Amino acid sequence: HLIHIMPTEVTSADHPVPAVFEADAEEYFNRNQVYETARQLMQDLLLKRPENPLQFMADWLNHGGNKGRFIILGPPGNDLSGLCDSLVARKKAAGDGHEVVHIKSDEVCGGIADPSSPETDRKMSEAMAAAVEAQESNHNAWVISGYPRTRAQ
């Protein structure tokens, strides 16, 4: 009887990569954003460290992965919220089925009082993090305006 014991760690020696690839493989990967998609997938996997990484990766790929995360920053009076609304409208007009949600700090943090209190920074950060996590769990791209407002945030 022949018994085969699986190695506990898989290395590149276990699955050698052919030395020769098609000449246009690099161009194909770049054109189809394979490298960037793999980078984003691995980044999200390491950040979230889910219980079931294979299921996480399958869900990530099936739902379009990271469709966009934007934080628009600039001095007051530049209509950054209008810029974000324009970005959302353009993405919606593209009609690709990928939603971009505008997370406005005024709406998310409107009930948090006393802007001079250090406790306010923590509360606003928690509220914004919860708003972002809600969009992430729905696999939506998102854009934030009006946050952060202080260095602590």
C-alpha atoms as a PDB file:
ATOM      1  CA  HIS A   1       0.000   0.000   0.000  1.00  0.00           C
ATOM      2  CA  LEU A   2       1.199   3.464  -0.906  1.00  0.00           C
ATOM      3  CA  ILE A   3       0.414   6.244   1.571  1.00  0.00           C
ATOM      4  CA  HIS A   4       0.727   9.833   0.460  1.00  0.00           C
ATOM      5  CA  ILE A   5       1.035  12.439   3.194  1.00  0.00           C
ATOM      6  CA  MET A   6       0.115  15.983   2.225  1.00  0.00           C
ATOM      7  CA  PRO A   7       2.659  18.617   3.229  1.00  0.00           C
ATOM      8  CA  THR A   8       1.445  20.989   5.925  1.00  0.00           C
ATOM      9  CA  GLU A   9       2.895  23.935   4.062  1.00  0.00           C
ATOM     10  CA  VAL A  10       2.614  24.443   0.327  1.00  0.00           C
ATOM     11  CA  THR A  11       5.618  26.070  -1.294  1.00  0.00           C
ATOM     12  CA  SER A  12       6.473  27.091  -4.829  1.00  0.00           C
ATOM     13  CA  ALA A  13       8.516  23.882  -5.083  1.00  0.00           C
ATOM     14  CA  ASP A  14       5.265  21.917  -4.679  1.00  0.00           C
ATOM     15  CA  HIS A  15       3.740  23.716  -7.667  1.00  0.00           C
ATOM     16  CA  PRO A  16       6.533  24.790 -10.006  1.00  0.00           C
ATOM     17  CA  VAL A  17       5.707  27.648 -12.332  1.00  0.00           C
ATOM     18  CA  PRO A  18       6.579  27.041 -15.976  1.00  0.00           C
ATOM     19  CA  ALA A  19       9.621  29.043 -16.984  1.00  0.00           C
ATOM     20  CA  VAL A  20       8.070  30.223 -20.240  1.00  0.00           C
ATOM     21  CA  PHE A  21       4.826  32.154 -20.485  1.00  0.00           C
ATOM     22  CA  GLU A  22       3.102  33.590 -23.485  1.00  0.00           C
ATOM     23  CA  ALA A  23       4.830  36.744 -24.647  1.00  0.00           C
ATOM     24  CA  ASP A  24       1.697  38.827 -24.185  1.00  0.00           C
ATOM     25  CA  ALA A  25       0.815  37.575 -20.670  1.00  0.00           C
ATOM     26  CA  GLU A  26       2.146  40.710 -18.968  1.00  0.00           C
ATOM     27  CA  GLU A  27       0.186  42.966 -21.318  1.00  0.00           C
ATOM     28  CA  TYR A  28      -2.931  40.810 -20.823  1.00  0.00           C
ATOM     29  CA  PHE A  29      -2.671  41.037 -17.022  1.00  0.00           C
ATOM     30  CA  ASN A  30      -2.181  44.808 -17.143  1.00  0.00           C
ATOM     31  CA  ARG A  31      -4.961  45.391 -19.659  1.00  0.00           C
ATOM     32  CA  ASN A  32      -7.408  43.361 -17.554  1.00  0.00           C
ATOM     33  CA  GLN A  33      -6.233  44.783 -14.212  1.00  0.00           C
ATOM     34  CA  VAL A  34      -5.349  41.316 -12.886  1.00  0.00           C
ATOM     35  CA  TYR A  35      -2.427  42.569 -10.795  1.00  0.00           C
ATOM     36  CA  GLU A  36      -4.415  45.445  -9.284  1.00  0.00           C
ATOM     37  CA  THR A  37      -7.399  43.203  -8.548  1.00  0.00           C
ATOM     38  CA  ALA A  38      -5.171  40.610  -6.864  1.00  0.00           C
ATOM     39  CA  ARG A  39      -3.456  43.350  -4.839  1.00  0.00           C
ATOM     40  CA  GLN A  40      -6.795  44.759  -3.658  1.00  0.00           C
ATOM     41  CA  LEU A  41      -8.129  41.297  -2.830  1.00  0.00           C
ATOM     42  CA  MET A  42      -5.066  40.426  -0.751  1.00  0.00           C
ATOM     43  CA  GLN A  43      -5.175  43.814   0.979  1.00  0.00           C
ATOM     44  CA  ASP A  44      -8.832  43.335   1.951  1.00  0.00           C
ATOM     45  CA  LEU A  45      -8.151  39.756   3.028  1.00  0.00           C
ATOM     46  CA  LEU A  46      -5.314  40.862   5.319  1.00  0.00           C
ATOM     47  CA  LEU A  47      -7.275  43.811   6.709  1.00  0.00           C
ATOM     48  CA  LYS A  48     -10.403  41.803   7.518  1.00  0.00           C
ATOM     49  CA  ARG A  49      -8.845  38.385   8.275  1.00  0.00           C
ATOM     50  CA  PRO A  50     -12.141  36.498   7.916  1.00  0.00           C
ATOM     51  CA  GLU A  51     -12.819  33.107   9.516  1.00  0.00           C
ATOM     52  CA  ASN A  52     -13.191  31.522   6.075  1.00  0.00           C
ATOM     53  CA  PRO A  53     -10.699  33.200   3.717  1.00  0.00           C
ATOM     54  CA  LEU A  54     -11.671  31.137   0.664  1.00  0.00           C
ATOM     55  CA  GLN A  55     -15.350  32.055   1.017  1.00  0.00           C
ATOM     56  CA  PHE A  56     -14.356  35.690   1.571  1.00  0.00           C
ATOM     57  CA  MET A  57     -12.298  35.674  -1.652  1.00  0.00           C
ATOM     58  CA  ALA A  58     -15.116  34.014  -3.621  1.00  0.00           C
ATOM     59  CA  ASP A  59     -17.643  36.573  -2.334  1.00  0.00           C
ATOM     60  CA  TRP A  60     -15.214  39.424  -3.004  1.00  0.00           C
ATOM     61  CA  LEU A  61     -14.702  38.331  -6.605  1.00  0.00           C
ATOM     62  CA  ASN A  62     -18.400  37.576  -7.206  1.00  0.00           C
ATOM     63  CA  HIS A  63     -19.521  40.959  -5.899  1.00  0.00           C
ATOM     64  CA  GLY A  64     -16.942  43.001  -7.744  1.00  0.00           C
ATOM     65  CA  GLY A  65     -14.488  43.397  -4.889  1.00  0.00           C
ATOM     66  CA  ASN A  66     -13.326  46.874  -4.149  1.00  0.00           C
ATOM     67  CA  LYS A  67     -15.234  49.104  -6.536  1.00  0.00           C
ATOM     68  CA  GLY A  68     -13.913  52.290  -5.049  1.00  0.00           C
ATOM     69  CA  ARG A  69     -13.126  54.064  -1.862  1.00  0.00           C
ATOM     70  CA  PHE A  70     -12.821  57.808  -2.081  1.00  0.00           C
ATOM     71  CA  ILE A  71     -12.299  60.501   0.513  1.00  0.00           C
ATOM     72  CA  ILE A  72     -12.573  63.988  -0.949  1.00  0.00           C
ATOM     73  CA  LEU A  73     -10.526  66.540   0.994  1.00  0.00           C
ATOM     74  CA  GLY A  74     -10.116  70.264   0.561  1.00  0.00           C
ATOM     75  CA  PRO A  75     -10.600  73.621   2.232  1.00  0.00           C
ATOM     76  CA  PRO A  76     -14.091  74.789   3.221  1.00  0.00           C
ATOM     77  CA  GLY A  77     -16.134  76.547   0.558  1.00  0.00           C
ATOM     78  CA  ASN A  78     -15.024  74.388  -2.392  1.00  0.00           C
ATOM     79  CA  ASP A  79     -18.343  72.500  -2.715  1.00  0.00           C
ATOM     80  CA  LEU A  80     -16.740  69.136  -2.072  1.00  0.00           C
ATOM     81  CA  SER A  81     -20.153  67.654  -1.374  1.00  0.00           C
ATOM     82  CA  GLY A  82     -21.257  68.770  -4.852  1.00  0.00           C
ATOM     83  CA  LEU A  83     -18.171  67.123  -6.336  1.00  0.00           C
ATOM     84  CA  CYS A  84     -19.077  63.888  -4.549  1.00  0.00           C
ATOM     85  CA  ASP A  85     -22.680  64.099  -5.788  1.00  0.00           C
ATOM     86  CA  SER A  86     -21.335  64.549  -9.319  1.00  0.00           C
ATOM     87  CA  LEU A  87     -19.123  61.474  -8.933  1.00  0.00           C
ATOM     88  CA  VAL A  88     -22.109  59.422  -7.732  1.00  0.00           C
ATOM     89  CA  ALA A  89     -24.251  60.670 -10.646  1.00  0.00           C
ATOM     90  CA  ARG A  90     -21.571  59.876 -13.233  1.00  0.00           C
ATOM     91  CA  LYS A  91     -21.121  56.366 -11.850  1.00  0.00           C
ATOM     92  CA  LYS A  92     -24.890  55.823 -11.882  1.00  0.00           C
ATOM     93  CA  ALA A  93     -25.083  57.082 -15.481  1.00  0.00           C
ATOM     94  CA  ALA A  94     -22.434  54.537 -16.473  1.00  0.00           C
ATOM     95  CA  GLY A  95     -25.107  51.898 -15.861  1.00  0.00           C
ATOM     96  CA  ASP A  96     -22.705  49.137 -14.857  1.00  0.00           C
ATOM     97  CA  GLY A  97     -24.778  48.169 -11.816  1.00  0.00           C
ATOM     98  CA  HIS A  98     -22.110  49.207  -9.327  1.00  0.00           C
ATOM     99  CA  GLU A  99     -23.476  51.656  -6.802  1.00  0.00           C
ATOM    100  CA  VAL A 100     -21.428  54.453  -5.269  1.00  0.00           C
ATOM    101  CA  VAL A 101     -22.807  55.827  -2.022  1.00  0.00           C
ATOM    102  CA  HIS A 102     -22.056  59.359  -0.836  1.00  0.00           C
ATOM    103  CA  ILE A 103     -21.339  59.280   2.906  1.00  0.00           C
ATOM    104  CA  LYS A 104     -21.811  62.826   4.214  1.00  0.00           C
ATOM    105  CA  SER A 105     -20.321  63.521   7.625  1.00  0.00           C
ATOM    106  CA  ASP A 106     -23.044  66.107   8.357  1.00  0.00           C
ATOM    107  CA  GLU A 107     -25.715  63.418   7.970  1.00  0.00           C
ATOM    108  CA  VAL A 108     -23.797  60.664   9.778  1.00  0.00           C
ATOM    109  CA  CYS A 109     -22.477  62.826  12.620  1.00  0.00           C
ATOM    110  CA  GLY A 110     -25.166  65.524  12.792  1.00  0.00           C
ATOM    111  CA  GLY A 111     -26.326  64.557  16.281  1.00  0.00           C
ATOM    112  CA  ILE A 112     -22.857  64.637  17.795  1.00  0.00           C
ATOM    113  CA  ALA A 113     -22.529  67.895  19.726  1.00  0.00           C
ATOM    114  CA  ASP A 114     -19.689  70.063  21.033  1.00  0.00           C
ATOM    115  CA  PRO A 115     -17.145  70.088  18.204  1.00  0.00           C
ATOM    116  CA  SER A 116     -14.417  71.318  20.577  1.00  0.00           C
ATOM    117  CA  SER A 117     -14.520  68.202  22.794  1.00  0.00           C
ATOM    118  CA  PRO A 118     -11.866  65.478  22.269  1.00  0.00           C
ATOM    119  CA  GLU A 119     -14.658  62.959  22.913  1.00  0.00           C
ATOM    120  CA  THR A 120     -16.414  64.324  19.823  1.00  0.00           C
ATOM    121  CA  ASP A 121     -13.504  63.255  17.602  1.00  0.00           C
ATOM    122  CA  ARG A 122     -13.806  59.678  18.858  1.00  0.00           C
ATOM    123  CA  LYS A 123     -17.603  59.630  18.439  1.00  0.00           C
ATOM    124  CA  MET A 124     -17.386  61.051  14.909  1.00  0.00           C
ATOM    125  CA  SER A 125     -14.688  58.556  13.954  1.00  0.00           C
ATOM    126  CA  GLU A 126     -16.798  55.670  15.258  1.00  0.00           C
ATOM    127  CA  ALA A 127     -19.909  56.928  13.448  1.00  0.00           C
ATOM    128  CA  MET A 128     -18.052  57.338  10.153  1.00  0.00           C
ATOM    129  CA  ALA A 129     -16.397  53.924  10.519  1.00  0.00           C
ATOM    130  CA  ALA A 130     -19.837  52.352  11.043  1.00  0.00           C
ATOM    131  CA  ALA A 131     -21.198  54.119   7.945  1.00  0.00           C
ATOM    132  CA  VAL A 132     -18.267  52.890   5.852  1.00  0.00           C
ATOM    133  CA  GLU A 133     -18.583  49.341   7.208  1.00  0.00           C
ATOM    134  CA  ALA A 134     -22.280  49.312   6.289  1.00  0.00           C
ATOM    135  CA  GLN A 135     -21.397  50.124   2.668  1.00  0.00           C
ATOM    136  CA  GLU A 136     -18.522  47.625   2.652  1.00  0.00           C
ATOM    137  CA  SER A 137     -20.838  44.854   3.870  1.00  0.00           C
ATOM    138  CA  ASN A 138     -23.199  45.668   0.978  1.00  0.00           C
ATOM    139  CA  HIS A 139     -20.249  45.590  -1.443  1.00  0.00           C
ATOM    140  CA  ASN A 140     -20.850  49.224  -2.411  1.00  0.00           C
ATOM    141  CA  ALA A 141     -18.226  51.691  -3.469  1.00  0.00           C
ATOM    142  CA  TRP A 142     -18.283  54.824  -1.369  1.00  0.00           C
ATOM    143  CA  VAL A 143     -17.170  58.429  -1.286  1.00  0.00           C
ATOM    144  CA  ILE A 144     -16.816  60.491   1.903  1.00  0.00           C
ATOM    145  CA  SER A 145     -17.142  64.241   2.180  1.00  0.00           C
ATOM    146  CA  GLY A 146     -16.788  66.473   5.228  1.00  0.00           C
ATOM    147  CA  TYR A 147     -14.514  64.128   7.124  1.00  0.00           C
ATOM    148  CA  PRO A 148     -12.031  64.295   8.728  1.00  0.00           C
ATOM    149  CA  ARG A 149     -12.371  67.766  10.190  1.00  0.00           C
ATOM    150  CA  THR A 150      -9.611  67.635  12.785  1.00  0.00           C
ATOM    151  CA  ARG A 151      -6.159  66.070  12.989  1.00  0.00           C
ATOM    152  CA  ALA A 152      -7.357  63.643  15.650  1.00  0.00           C
ATOM    153  CA  GLN A 153      -9.981  62.285  13.280  1.00  0.00           C
END
